[in-house]
Amino acid sequence: MSAGLWQWLAQGDAVTWGTAAVMLLMSVVSWVVILYKLWFMAVARASVPRAVEAFWQMPDVARAQAQVKALDRHGLVQPMADAAALGGEQASGGSLAQSAAGAQRLMRSLRAALGLAASQLQWGQTLLATIGATAPFVGLLGTVWGIHHALGTLAGSGQVDIAQLAGPVGEALVMTAAGLAVALPAVLAYNLLGRSASTLEALLEGFAHDLQAQFGAEA
């Protein structure tokens, strides 16, 4: 079947080759994103709780900042620690942001830090969802076009029987299987990584709430 499939691809037209190239590209891109995000999430799941815990164990904010910086490998917690350190400082200048009360500045800074962290955690999720949703249809397109091409070729040969038809049609159906093979890892990774991202986002939101409760009252 493998030799027959390569022969079928070699005899295919631009649509056949284009469909196969798109699925190959989808597969390579999705696996690059999956492997990177698995590493990213593994590091974040280990470093974020340690950084948050270390922050509260320090005797002052300056030392807490330094400790977070040493532990927070992806910079998910550091912007919040920096916001807590700056939240109570008196602002100078004439802009609306600078003239706001310290608690409001702290809230705004924490919101921006949470948004940045969420962007890092959610990076690649849209791409995985898109590949998972579209890859089966790309494979189906290749299958339909391959069957159409095979039937046209066999019809032009004059005499057609089931033995002649089974090979080319079976090879064309491999495109559907290839589409599913591309989509399934992307969908599984999307769900797994999305759950990990949600857990970390909840932890960071709780940390931001605690910072606002303590340092916002002091501002």
N, C-alpha and C. Protein backbone atom coordinates (compact mmCIF):
# COMPACT_ATOMS: atom_id res chain seq x y z
N MET A 1 0.83 -1.20 0.00
CA MET A 1 0.00 0.00 0.00
C MET A 1 0.86 1.25 0.00
N SER A 2 2.01 1.19 0.74
CA SER A 2 2.88 2.36 0.82
C SER A 2 3.43 2.73 -0.55
N ALA A 3 3.94 1.70 -1.30
CA ALA A 3 4.45 1.97 -2.64
C ALA A 3 3.34 2.45 -3.56
N GLY A 4 2.14 1.83 -3.41
CA GLY A 4 1.02 2.26 -4.24
C GLY A 4 0.60 3.68 -3.92
N LEU A 5 0.66 4.05 -2.62
CA LEU A 5 0.29 5.41 -2.25
C LEU A 5 1.25 6.43 -2.84
N TRP A 6 2.55 6.13 -2.77
CA TRP A 6 3.53 7.05 -3.37
C TRP A 6 3.35 7.14 -4.87
N GLN A 7 3.02 6.00 -5.49
CA GLN A 7 2.76 6.02 -6.93
C GLN A 7 1.53 6.85 -7.25
N TRP A 8 0.49 6.73 -6.38
CA TRP A 8 -0.72 7.52 -6.58
C TRP A 8 -0.44 9.01 -6.43
N LEU A 9 0.38 9.37 -5.42
CA LEU A 9 0.74 10.76 -5.25
C LEU A 9 1.57 11.27 -6.43
N ALA A 10 2.46 10.42 -6.91
CA ALA A 10 3.30 10.83 -8.04
C ALA A 10 2.47 11.07 -9.29
N GLN A 11 1.38 10.34 -9.41
CA GLN A 11 0.51 10.50 -10.57
C GLN A 11 -0.55 11.58 -10.36
N GLY A 12 -0.59 12.15 -9.14
CA GLY A 12 -1.61 13.15 -8.83
C GLY A 12 -1.31 14.48 -9.49
N ASP A 13 -2.31 15.36 -9.38
CA ASP A 13 -2.15 16.69 -9.96
C ASP A 13 -1.84 17.70 -8.86
N ALA A 14 -1.99 18.99 -9.19
CA ALA A 14 -1.64 20.04 -8.24
C ALA A 14 -2.51 19.99 -7.00
N VAL A 15 -3.79 19.64 -7.14
CA VAL A 15 -4.69 19.58 -5.99
C VAL A 15 -4.25 18.47 -5.03
N THR A 16 -3.90 17.32 -5.57
CA THR A 16 -3.44 16.21 -4.74
C THR A 16 -2.19 16.58 -3.96
N TRP A 17 -1.21 17.13 -4.67
CA TRP A 17 0.04 17.51 -4.02
C TRP A 17 -0.18 18.66 -3.04
N GLY A 18 -1.02 19.61 -3.42
CA GLY A 18 -1.29 20.74 -2.53
C GLY A 18 -1.94 20.29 -1.23
N THR A 19 -2.92 19.37 -1.34
CA THR A 19 -3.60 18.87 -0.15
C THR A 19 -2.62 18.12 0.75
N ALA A 20 -1.78 17.28 0.15
CA ALA A 20 -0.80 16.54 0.95
C ALA A 20 0.19 17.49 1.62
N ALA A 21 0.60 18.54 0.91
CA ALA A 21 1.55 19.50 1.47
C ALA A 21 0.92 20.28 2.62
N VAL A 22 -0.35 20.65 2.48
CA VAL A 22 -1.04 21.38 3.55
C VAL A 22 -1.14 20.52 4.80
N MET A 23 -1.49 19.25 4.64
CA MET A 23 -1.60 18.37 5.81
C MET A 23 -0.24 18.14 6.46
N LEU A 24 0.80 18.01 5.64
CA LEU A 24 2.14 17.85 6.21
C LEU A 24 2.53 19.09 6.99
N LEU A 25 2.26 20.26 6.44
CA LEU A 25 2.56 21.51 7.14
C LEU A 25 1.77 21.62 8.44
N MET A 26 0.48 21.28 8.39
CA MET A 26 -0.34 21.29 9.61
C MET A 26 0.25 20.38 10.68
N SER A 27 0.67 19.20 10.27
CA SER A 27 1.21 18.24 11.22
C SER A 27 2.49 18.76 11.87
N VAL A 28 3.39 19.29 11.04
CA VAL A 28 4.67 19.79 11.56
C VAL A 28 4.43 20.96 12.52
N VAL A 29 3.59 21.91 12.10
CA VAL A 29 3.33 23.09 12.93
C VAL A 29 2.66 22.70 14.25
N SER A 30 1.67 21.81 14.18
CA SER A 30 0.97 21.42 15.40
C SER A 30 1.90 20.72 16.38
N TRP A 31 2.78 19.85 15.88
CA TRP A 31 3.69 19.15 16.78
C TRP A 31 4.75 20.07 17.37
N VAL A 32 5.19 21.06 16.60
CA VAL A 32 6.11 22.05 17.16
C VAL A 32 5.44 22.81 18.30
N VAL A 33 4.20 23.25 18.07
CA VAL A 33 3.47 23.98 19.10
C VAL A 33 3.19 23.08 20.30
N ILE A 34 2.79 21.84 20.05
CA ILE A 34 2.48 20.91 21.14
C ILE A 34 3.71 20.67 22.01
N LEU A 35 4.84 20.38 21.40
CA LEU A 35 6.04 20.08 22.18
C LEU A 35 6.52 21.30 22.96
N TYR A 36 6.46 22.47 22.31
CA TYR A 36 6.86 23.69 23.01
C TYR A 36 5.95 23.97 24.20
N LYS A 37 4.64 23.84 24.00
CA LYS A 37 3.70 24.16 25.07
C LYS A 37 3.74 23.11 26.18
N LEU A 38 4.02 21.86 25.86
CA LEU A 38 4.19 20.86 26.91
C LEU A 38 5.35 21.23 27.81
N TRP A 39 6.47 21.67 27.19
CA TRP A 39 7.61 22.12 27.99
C TRP A 39 7.26 23.37 28.78
N PHE A 40 6.61 24.33 28.13
CA PHE A 40 6.25 25.59 28.78
C PHE A 40 5.36 25.34 29.99
N MET A 41 4.33 24.52 29.81
CA MET A 41 3.39 24.26 30.89
C MET A 41 4.04 23.45 32.02
N ALA A 42 4.93 22.52 31.67
CA ALA A 42 5.60 21.74 32.70
C ALA A 42 6.44 22.66 33.59
N VAL A 43 7.15 23.58 32.97
CA VAL A 43 7.97 24.53 33.73
C VAL A 43 7.07 25.46 34.55
N ALA A 44 6.00 25.97 33.93
CA ALA A 44 5.11 26.90 34.62
C ALA A 44 4.41 26.24 35.81
N ARG A 45 3.96 25.01 35.64
CA ARG A 45 3.28 24.33 36.75
C ARG A 45 4.20 24.13 37.94
N ALA A 46 5.50 24.02 37.68
CA ALA A 46 6.45 23.86 38.77
C ALA A 46 6.89 25.19 39.36
N SER A 47 7.10 26.20 38.51
CA SER A 47 7.71 27.45 38.98
C SER A 47 6.70 28.44 39.54
N VAL A 48 5.51 28.52 38.96
CA VAL A 48 4.53 29.52 39.42
C VAL A 48 4.12 29.29 40.87
N PRO A 49 3.71 28.10 41.30
CA PRO A 49 3.35 27.93 42.72
C PRO A 49 4.52 28.21 43.65
N ARG A 50 5.75 27.81 43.25
CA ARG A 50 6.91 28.09 44.10
C ARG A 50 7.15 29.59 44.22
N ALA A 51 7.02 30.32 43.10
CA ALA A 51 7.24 31.76 43.14
C ALA A 51 6.21 32.46 44.01
N VAL A 52 4.95 32.06 43.88
CA VAL A 52 3.88 32.67 44.69
C VAL A 52 4.11 32.39 46.17
N GLU A 53 4.45 31.15 46.48
CA GLU A 53 4.69 30.79 47.89
C GLU A 53 5.90 31.54 48.44
N ALA A 54 6.95 31.64 47.62
CA ALA A 54 8.16 32.33 48.08
C ALA A 54 7.91 33.81 48.31
N PHE A 55 7.03 34.42 47.51
CA PHE A 55 6.74 35.84 47.68
C PHE A 55 6.22 36.12 49.09
N TRP A 56 5.29 35.28 49.56
CA TRP A 56 4.69 35.53 50.86
C TRP A 56 5.60 35.13 52.02
N GLN A 57 6.65 34.40 51.74
CA GLN A 57 7.56 34.00 52.81
C GLN A 57 8.64 35.04 53.09
N MET A 58 8.80 36.01 52.21
CA MET A 58 9.85 37.01 52.38
C MET A 58 9.41 38.10 53.37
N PRO A 59 10.38 38.72 54.07
CA PRO A 59 10.02 39.72 55.08
C PRO A 59 9.63 41.07 54.51
N ASP A 60 10.02 41.37 53.27
CA ASP A 60 9.65 42.65 52.67
C ASP A 60 9.48 42.47 51.17
N VAL A 61 8.90 43.50 50.53
CA VAL A 61 8.56 43.40 49.11
C VAL A 61 9.81 43.32 48.24
N ALA A 62 10.86 44.05 48.61
CA ALA A 62 12.08 44.04 47.80
C ALA A 62 12.67 42.64 47.72
N ARG A 63 12.75 41.97 48.84
CA ARG A 63 13.28 40.60 48.83
C ARG A 63 12.32 39.65 48.14
N ALA A 64 11.03 39.91 48.30
CA ALA A 64 10.04 39.07 47.61
C ALA A 64 10.19 39.19 46.10
N GLN A 65 10.41 40.42 45.60
CA GLN A 65 10.64 40.61 44.17
C GLN A 65 11.84 39.81 43.68
N ALA A 66 12.93 39.88 44.43
CA ALA A 66 14.15 39.17 44.04
C ALA A 66 13.94 37.66 44.03
N GLN A 67 13.22 37.17 45.02
CA GLN A 67 12.96 35.74 45.09
C GLN A 67 12.07 35.28 43.94
N VAL A 68 11.05 36.04 43.64
CA VAL A 68 10.17 35.71 42.51
C VAL A 68 10.95 35.71 41.21
N LYS A 69 11.80 36.69 41.03
CA LYS A 69 12.60 36.77 39.80
C LYS A 69 13.48 35.55 39.62
N ALA A 70 14.00 35.02 40.72
CA ALA A 70 14.86 33.84 40.65
C ALA A 70 14.09 32.57 40.32
N LEU A 71 12.83 32.50 40.75
CA LEU A 71 12.05 31.28 40.58
C LEU A 71 11.13 31.30 39.36
N ASP A 72 10.70 32.48 38.96
CA ASP A 72 9.69 32.60 37.90
C ASP A 72 10.36 32.57 36.53
N ARG A 73 10.49 31.40 35.96
CA ARG A 73 11.27 31.23 34.73
C ARG A 73 10.60 31.84 33.51
N HIS A 74 9.28 31.89 33.49
CA HIS A 74 8.56 32.42 32.33
C HIS A 74 8.06 33.85 32.53
N GLY A 75 8.34 34.44 33.67
CA GLY A 75 7.90 35.80 33.91
C GLY A 75 6.41 35.96 34.05
N LEU A 76 5.73 34.97 34.59
CA LEU A 76 4.28 35.04 34.77
C LEU A 76 3.90 35.74 36.07
N VAL A 77 4.74 35.59 37.08
CA VAL A 77 4.45 36.16 38.39
C VAL A 77 5.17 37.49 38.60
N GLN A 78 6.32 37.66 37.97
CA GLN A 78 7.15 38.83 38.21
C GLN A 78 6.43 40.17 38.01
N PRO A 79 5.65 40.36 36.92
CA PRO A 79 4.96 41.65 36.75
C PRO A 79 4.01 41.97 37.91
N MET A 80 3.40 40.95 38.51
CA MET A 80 2.51 41.20 39.64
C MET A 80 3.30 41.61 40.88
N ALA A 81 4.44 40.96 41.09
CA ALA A 81 5.28 41.35 42.22
C ALA A 81 5.78 42.78 42.05
N ASP A 82 6.15 43.14 40.83
CA ASP A 82 6.59 44.51 40.56
C ASP A 82 5.45 45.50 40.79
N ALA A 83 4.24 45.12 40.38
CA ALA A 83 3.09 46.01 40.58
C ALA A 83 2.82 46.22 42.06
N ALA A 84 2.98 45.17 42.86
CA ALA A 84 2.76 45.30 44.30
C ALA A 84 3.79 46.24 44.92
N ALA A 85 5.03 46.17 44.43
CA ALA A 85 6.08 47.03 44.97
C ALA A 85 5.84 48.49 44.60
N LEU A 86 5.28 48.74 43.45
CA LEU A 86 5.08 50.11 42.99
C LEU A 86 3.70 50.66 43.36
N GLY A 87 2.82 49.78 43.82
CA GLY A 87 1.43 50.19 44.04
C GLY A 87 1.27 51.28 45.07
N GLY A 88 2.09 51.26 46.10
CA GLY A 88 1.91 52.23 47.15
C GLY A 88 2.74 53.48 46.99
N GLU A 89 3.54 53.56 45.93
CA GLU A 89 4.38 54.73 45.74
C GLU A 89 3.56 55.92 45.25
N GLN A 90 3.95 57.09 45.65
CA GLN A 90 3.28 58.29 45.20
C GLN A 90 3.66 58.59 43.77
N ALA A 91 2.68 58.84 42.94
CA ALA A 91 2.96 59.11 41.52
C ALA A 91 3.12 60.60 41.31
N SER A 92 3.92 60.93 40.32
CA SER A 92 4.10 62.33 39.95
C SER A 92 3.78 62.49 38.48
N GLY A 93 3.32 63.67 38.10
CA GLY A 93 2.99 63.89 36.71
C GLY A 93 1.55 64.31 36.58
N GLY A 94 1.17 64.63 35.34
CA GLY A 94 -0.15 65.20 35.15
C GLY A 94 -1.13 64.30 34.44
N SER A 95 -0.75 63.06 34.08
CA SER A 95 -1.69 62.20 33.35
C SER A 95 -2.73 61.64 34.29
N LEU A 96 -3.83 61.18 33.72
CA LEU A 96 -4.89 60.58 34.51
C LEU A 96 -4.39 59.34 35.25
N ALA A 97 -3.58 58.54 34.57
CA ALA A 97 -3.07 57.32 35.21
C ALA A 97 -2.19 57.67 36.39
N GLN A 98 -1.38 58.71 36.26
CA GLN A 98 -0.47 59.06 37.34
C GLN A 98 -1.20 59.73 38.50
N SER A 99 -2.31 60.42 38.22
CA SER A 99 -3.03 61.12 39.27
C SER A 99 -4.01 60.23 40.02
N ALA A 100 -4.18 58.98 39.57
CA ALA A 100 -5.11 58.07 40.24
C ALA A 100 -4.58 57.66 41.60
N ALA A 101 -5.47 57.22 42.43
CA ALA A 101 -5.08 56.75 43.75
C ALA A 101 -4.22 55.49 43.62
N GLY A 102 -3.42 55.25 44.68
CA GLY A 102 -2.52 54.10 44.62
C GLY A 102 -3.23 52.79 44.42
N ALA A 103 -4.38 52.60 45.07
CA ALA A 103 -5.13 51.35 44.92
C ALA A 103 -5.60 51.16 43.49
N GLN A 104 -5.99 52.25 42.84
CA GLN A 104 -6.43 52.15 41.45
C GLN A 104 -5.27 51.84 40.52
N ARG A 105 -4.13 52.46 40.79
CA ARG A 105 -2.95 52.16 39.97
C ARG A 105 -2.53 50.71 40.12
N LEU A 106 -2.60 50.22 41.36
CA LEU A 106 -2.25 48.82 41.61
C LEU A 106 -3.21 47.90 40.87
N MET A 107 -4.49 48.18 40.95
CA MET A 107 -5.48 47.34 40.26
C MET A 107 -5.23 47.33 38.76
N ARG A 108 -4.93 48.51 38.19
CA ARG A 108 -4.68 48.60 36.76
C ARG A 108 -3.42 47.82 36.37
N SER A 109 -2.39 47.92 37.21
CA SER A 109 -1.14 47.21 36.93
C SER A 109 -1.33 45.70 37.03
N LEU A 110 -2.08 45.26 38.04
CA LEU A 110 -2.33 43.83 38.19
C LEU A 110 -3.17 43.29 37.04
N ARG A 111 -4.14 44.07 36.59
CA ARG A 111 -4.96 43.65 35.46
C ARG A 111 -4.11 43.50 34.20
N ALA A 112 -3.19 44.43 33.98
CA ALA A 112 -2.30 44.33 32.82
C ALA A 112 -1.38 43.12 32.94
N ALA A 113 -0.88 42.88 34.16
CA ALA A 113 0.00 41.72 34.36
C ALA A 113 -0.75 40.41 34.14
N LEU A 114 -2.00 40.34 34.59
CA LEU A 114 -2.81 39.14 34.36
C LEU A 114 -3.07 38.92 32.88
N GLY A 115 -3.34 40.01 32.15
CA GLY A 115 -3.55 39.89 30.72
C GLY A 115 -2.32 39.39 30.00
N LEU A 116 -1.15 39.87 30.41
CA LEU A 116 0.10 39.40 29.80
C LEU A 116 0.33 37.93 30.08
N ALA A 117 0.09 37.52 31.33
CA ALA A 117 0.27 36.12 31.70
C ALA A 117 -0.70 35.22 30.94
N ALA A 118 -1.96 35.67 30.81
CA ALA A 118 -2.96 34.89 30.07
C ALA A 118 -2.57 34.74 28.61
N SER A 119 -2.01 35.79 28.02
CA SER A 119 -1.57 35.71 26.63
C SER A 119 -0.48 34.67 26.46
N GLN A 120 0.45 34.63 27.41
CA GLN A 120 1.52 33.62 27.34
C GLN A 120 0.97 32.21 27.51
N LEU A 121 0.04 32.05 28.45
CA LEU A 121 -0.50 30.72 28.71
C LEU A 121 -1.38 30.22 27.57
N GLN A 122 -2.09 31.13 26.91
CA GLN A 122 -3.01 30.75 25.85
C GLN A 122 -2.35 30.72 24.47
N TRP A 123 -1.07 31.08 24.40
CA TRP A 123 -0.40 31.11 23.10
C TRP A 123 -0.46 29.74 22.43
N GLY A 124 -0.82 29.72 21.16
CA GLY A 124 -0.87 28.48 20.39
C GLY A 124 -2.18 27.74 20.48
N GLN A 125 -3.04 28.10 21.43
CA GLN A 125 -4.30 27.37 21.58
C GLN A 125 -5.22 27.56 20.37
N THR A 126 -5.29 28.78 19.86
CA THR A 126 -6.13 29.02 18.68
C THR A 126 -5.63 28.24 17.48
N LEU A 127 -4.31 28.17 17.33
CA LEU A 127 -3.74 27.42 16.21
C LEU A 127 -4.08 25.94 16.33
N LEU A 128 -3.94 25.37 17.52
CA LEU A 128 -4.27 23.95 17.71
C LEU A 128 -5.75 23.68 17.45
N ALA A 129 -6.61 24.60 17.92
CA ALA A 129 -8.04 24.42 17.67
C ALA A 129 -8.35 24.50 16.18
N THR A 130 -7.70 25.41 15.48
CA THR A 130 -7.94 25.54 14.04
C THR A 130 -7.49 24.31 13.28
N ILE A 131 -6.31 23.80 13.62
CA ILE A 131 -5.81 22.59 12.95
C ILE A 131 -6.71 21.40 13.28
N GLY A 132 -7.09 21.27 14.54
CA GLY A 132 -7.97 20.16 14.92
C GLY A 132 -9.30 20.19 14.22
N ALA A 133 -9.81 21.40 13.94
CA ALA A 133 -11.13 21.52 13.30
C ALA A 133 -11.06 21.37 11.79
N THR A 134 -9.96 21.78 11.17
CA THR A 134 -9.91 21.84 9.70
C THR A 134 -9.18 20.66 9.06
N ALA A 135 -8.27 20.01 9.78
CA ALA A 135 -7.48 18.93 9.17
C ALA A 135 -8.34 17.80 8.61
N PRO A 136 -9.41 17.34 9.31
CA PRO A 136 -10.22 16.28 8.72
C PRO A 136 -10.87 16.68 7.40
N PHE A 137 -11.25 17.94 7.27
CA PHE A 137 -11.89 18.40 6.04
C PHE A 137 -10.86 18.53 4.91
N VAL A 138 -9.64 18.91 5.26
CA VAL A 138 -8.58 18.94 4.24
C VAL A 138 -8.31 17.53 3.74
N GLY A 139 -8.25 16.57 4.68
CA GLY A 139 -8.06 15.18 4.27
C GLY A 139 -9.22 14.67 3.44
N LEU A 140 -10.45 15.07 3.79
CA LEU A 140 -11.62 14.66 3.01
C LEU A 140 -11.57 15.24 1.61
N LEU A 141 -11.11 16.49 1.51
CA LEU A 141 -10.95 17.08 0.18
C LEU A 141 -9.99 16.27 -0.66
N GLY A 142 -8.86 15.86 -0.04
CA GLY A 142 -7.91 15.03 -0.77
C GLY A 142 -8.49 13.70 -1.18
N THR A 143 -9.31 13.13 -0.31
CA THR A 143 -9.95 11.86 -0.64
C THR A 143 -10.91 12.00 -1.82
N VAL A 144 -11.78 13.00 -1.74
CA VAL A 144 -12.76 13.20 -2.81
C VAL A 144 -12.07 13.46 -4.14
N TRP A 145 -11.06 14.33 -4.10
CA TRP A 145 -10.36 14.64 -5.34
C TRP A 145 -9.58 13.43 -5.85
N GLY A 146 -9.00 12.64 -4.93
CA GLY A 146 -8.26 11.45 -5.35
C GLY A 146 -9.18 10.41 -5.98
N ILE A 147 -10.37 10.22 -5.40
CA ILE A 147 -11.33 9.27 -5.99
C ILE A 147 -11.78 9.76 -7.35
N HIS A 148 -12.06 11.05 -7.44
CA HIS A 148 -12.44 11.62 -8.74
C HIS A 148 -11.34 11.40 -9.77
N HIS A 149 -10.11 11.65 -9.38
CA HIS A 149 -8.98 11.48 -10.31
C HIS A 149 -8.82 10.01 -10.69
N ALA A 150 -8.97 9.09 -9.69
CA ALA A 150 -8.81 7.66 -9.98
C ALA A 150 -9.92 7.16 -10.91
N LEU A 151 -11.15 7.59 -10.66
CA LEU A 151 -12.26 7.16 -11.52
C LEU A 151 -12.08 7.68 -12.93
N GLY A 152 -11.60 8.91 -13.06
CA GLY A 152 -11.35 9.45 -14.40
C GLY A 152 -10.30 8.65 -15.14
N THR A 153 -9.24 8.28 -14.41
CA THR A 153 -8.16 7.50 -15.04
C THR A 153 -8.65 6.11 -15.44
N LEU A 154 -9.40 5.46 -14.55
CA LEU A 154 -9.89 4.12 -14.85
C LEU A 154 -10.93 4.14 -15.97
N ALA A 155 -11.76 5.18 -15.97
CA ALA A 155 -12.76 5.26 -17.03
C ALA A 155 -12.12 5.41 -18.39
N GLY A 156 -10.98 6.11 -18.42
CA GLY A 156 -10.30 6.30 -19.70
C GLY A 156 -9.61 5.05 -20.19
N SER A 157 -9.44 4.05 -19.31
CA SER A 157 -8.77 2.82 -19.73
C SER A 157 -9.69 1.87 -20.49
N GLY A 158 -10.98 2.18 -20.52
CA GLY A 158 -11.92 1.37 -21.30
C GLY A 158 -12.63 0.32 -20.49
N GLN A 159 -11.90 -0.60 -19.86
CA GLN A 159 -12.51 -1.68 -19.10
C GLN A 159 -12.20 -1.51 -17.62
N VAL A 160 -13.24 -1.48 -16.79
CA VAL A 160 -13.08 -1.24 -15.36
C VAL A 160 -13.70 -2.39 -14.59
N ASP A 161 -12.96 -2.94 -13.63
CA ASP A 161 -13.52 -3.94 -12.71
C ASP A 161 -13.17 -3.54 -11.28
N ILE A 162 -13.70 -4.29 -10.33
CA ILE A 162 -13.55 -3.92 -8.93
C ILE A 162 -12.10 -3.99 -8.49
N ALA A 163 -11.32 -4.91 -9.05
CA ALA A 163 -9.92 -5.03 -8.67
C ALA A 163 -9.14 -3.78 -9.07
N GLN A 164 -9.44 -3.25 -10.25
CA GLN A 164 -8.77 -2.03 -10.68
C GLN A 164 -9.20 -0.83 -9.85
N LEU A 165 -10.44 -0.83 -9.39
CA LEU A 165 -10.98 0.31 -8.67
C LEU A 165 -10.53 0.33 -7.20
N ALA A 166 -10.36 -0.85 -6.59
CA ALA A 166 -10.10 -0.93 -5.15
C ALA A 166 -8.80 -0.25 -4.77
N GLY A 167 -7.74 -0.47 -5.57
CA GLY A 167 -6.43 0.09 -5.23
C GLY A 167 -6.42 1.61 -5.19
N PRO A 168 -6.75 2.29 -6.29
CA PRO A 168 -6.73 3.75 -6.29
C PRO A 168 -7.68 4.38 -5.27
N VAL A 169 -8.89 3.80 -5.11
CA VAL A 169 -9.84 4.36 -4.15
C VAL A 169 -9.32 4.17 -2.73
N GLY A 170 -8.77 3.00 -2.43
CA GLY A 170 -8.21 2.76 -1.10
C GLY A 170 -7.06 3.71 -0.79
N GLU A 171 -6.23 3.98 -1.78
CA GLU A 171 -5.12 4.91 -1.58
C GLU A 171 -5.65 6.32 -1.36
N ALA A 172 -6.72 6.68 -2.05
CA ALA A 172 -7.29 8.01 -1.86
C ALA A 172 -7.88 8.15 -0.47
N LEU A 173 -8.48 7.07 0.06
CA LEU A 173 -9.07 7.13 1.39
C LEU A 173 -8.02 7.33 2.48
N VAL A 174 -6.78 7.01 2.17
CA VAL A 174 -5.71 7.25 3.13
C VAL A 174 -5.62 8.73 3.48
N MET A 175 -6.02 9.60 2.56
CA MET A 175 -5.99 11.04 2.84
C MET A 175 -6.93 11.39 3.99
N THR A 176 -8.07 10.73 4.08
CA THR A 176 -8.97 10.96 5.21
C THR A 176 -8.32 10.52 6.51
N ALA A 177 -7.70 9.34 6.48
CA ALA A 177 -6.99 8.87 7.68
C ALA A 177 -5.87 9.83 8.07
N ALA A 178 -5.17 10.37 7.08
CA ALA A 178 -4.10 11.32 7.37
C ALA A 178 -4.65 12.58 8.01
N GLY A 179 -5.80 13.05 7.52
CA GLY A 179 -6.42 14.22 8.13
C GLY A 179 -6.78 13.99 9.58
N LEU A 180 -7.31 12.81 9.89
CA LEU A 180 -7.63 12.48 11.28
C LEU A 180 -6.36 12.35 12.13
N ALA A 181 -5.31 11.79 11.53
CA ALA A 181 -4.05 11.65 12.26
C ALA A 181 -3.45 13.00 12.61
N VAL A 182 -3.69 13.99 11.77
CA VAL A 182 -3.21 15.35 12.06
C VAL A 182 -4.10 16.02 13.10
N ALA A 183 -5.42 15.80 13.00
CA ALA A 183 -6.37 16.51 13.86
C ALA A 183 -6.38 15.99 15.29
N LEU A 184 -6.32 14.68 15.49
CA LEU A 184 -6.49 14.11 16.82
C LEU A 184 -5.44 14.60 17.83
N PRO A 185 -4.14 14.58 17.50
CA PRO A 185 -3.17 15.12 18.48
C PRO A 185 -3.42 16.59 18.80
N ALA A 186 -3.82 17.37 17.79
CA ALA A 186 -4.07 18.80 18.02
C ALA A 186 -5.24 18.99 18.97
N VAL A 187 -6.31 18.21 18.78
CA VAL A 187 -7.49 18.34 19.65
C VAL A 187 -7.17 17.90 21.07
N LEU A 188 -6.49 16.77 21.21
CA LEU A 188 -6.14 16.27 22.55
C LEU A 188 -5.23 17.25 23.26
N ALA A 189 -4.24 17.78 22.54
CA ALA A 189 -3.32 18.75 23.15
C ALA A 189 -4.05 20.03 23.52
N TYR A 190 -4.97 20.46 22.68
CA TYR A 190 -5.74 21.68 22.98
C TYR A 190 -6.49 21.52 24.30
N ASN A 191 -7.14 20.39 24.49
CA ASN A 191 -7.91 20.16 25.72
C ASN A 191 -7.00 20.04 26.94
N LEU A 192 -5.91 19.27 26.80
CA LEU A 192 -5.00 19.07 27.92
C LEU A 192 -4.30 20.37 28.32
N LEU A 193 -3.76 21.07 27.33
CA LEU A 193 -3.05 22.31 27.62
C LEU A 193 -4.00 23.41 28.07
N GLY A 194 -5.21 23.42 27.54
CA GLY A 194 -6.19 24.40 27.98
C GLY A 194 -6.55 24.22 29.44
N ARG A 195 -6.65 22.98 29.88
CA ARG A 195 -6.96 22.72 31.29
C ARG A 195 -5.80 23.19 32.19
N SER A 196 -4.57 22.93 31.76
CA SER A 196 -3.41 23.38 32.52
C SER A 196 -3.35 24.90 32.58
N ALA A 197 -3.63 25.55 31.45
CA ALA A 197 -3.62 27.01 31.41
C ALA A 197 -4.68 27.59 32.33
N SER A 198 -5.86 27.00 32.35
CA SER A 198 -6.93 27.49 33.21
C SER A 198 -6.55 27.37 34.68
N THR A 199 -5.89 26.27 35.05
CA THR A 199 -5.46 26.08 36.43
C THR A 199 -4.46 27.15 36.85
N LEU A 200 -3.50 27.43 35.96
CA LEU A 200 -2.49 28.44 36.27
C LEU A 200 -3.09 29.84 36.30
N GLU A 201 -4.03 30.11 35.40
CA GLU A 201 -4.68 31.42 35.40
C GLU A 201 -5.46 31.63 36.70
N ALA A 202 -6.11 30.59 37.18
CA ALA A 202 -6.84 30.71 38.45
C ALA A 202 -5.88 30.99 39.60
N LEU A 203 -4.72 30.34 39.59
CA LEU A 203 -3.72 30.58 40.63
C LEU A 203 -3.22 32.02 40.58
N LEU A 204 -2.96 32.52 39.38
CA LEU A 204 -2.47 33.89 39.23
C LEU A 204 -3.54 34.91 39.60
N GLU A 205 -4.78 34.62 39.26
CA GLU A 205 -5.87 35.52 39.65
C GLU A 205 -6.02 35.59 41.17
N GLY A 206 -5.87 34.45 41.83
CA GLY A 206 -5.92 34.45 43.28
C GLY A 206 -4.77 35.25 43.89
N PHE A 207 -3.58 35.11 43.29
CA PHE A 207 -2.43 35.87 43.76
C PHE A 207 -2.66 37.36 43.57
N ALA A 208 -3.21 37.74 42.42
CA ALA A 208 -3.49 39.16 42.16
C ALA A 208 -4.52 39.69 43.16
N HIS A 209 -5.52 38.89 43.45
CA HIS A 209 -6.53 39.32 44.43
C HIS A 209 -5.91 39.52 45.81
N ASP A 210 -5.02 38.62 46.21
CA ASP A 210 -4.35 38.76 47.51
C ASP A 210 -3.48 40.00 47.54
N LEU A 211 -2.78 40.26 46.43
CA LEU A 211 -1.94 41.46 46.37
C LEU A 211 -2.79 42.72 46.48
N GLN A 212 -3.91 42.74 45.78
CA GLN A 212 -4.79 43.90 45.83
C GLN A 212 -5.35 44.10 47.24
N ALA A 213 -5.70 43.01 47.90
CA ALA A 213 -6.26 43.11 49.24
C ALA A 213 -5.24 43.66 50.24
N GLN A 214 -3.96 43.23 50.09
CA GLN A 214 -2.98 43.68 51.05
C GLN A 214 -2.36 45.03 50.70
N PHE A 215 -1.87 45.17 49.47
CA PHE A 215 -1.13 46.37 49.12
C PHE A 215 -2.05 47.50 48.66
N GLY A 216 -3.26 47.15 48.18
CA GLY A 216 -4.19 48.19 47.80
C GLY A 216 -4.67 48.97 49.00
N ALA A 217 -4.81 48.30 50.14
CA ALA A 217 -5.24 48.97 51.36
C ALA A 217 -4.17 49.92 51.89
N GLU A 218 -2.91 49.61 51.56
CA GLU A 218 -1.81 50.44 52.04
C GLU A 218 -1.56 51.64 51.14
N ALA A 219 -2.08 51.56 49.88
CA ALA A 219 -1.77 52.62 48.91
C ALA A 219 -2.52 53.91 49.25
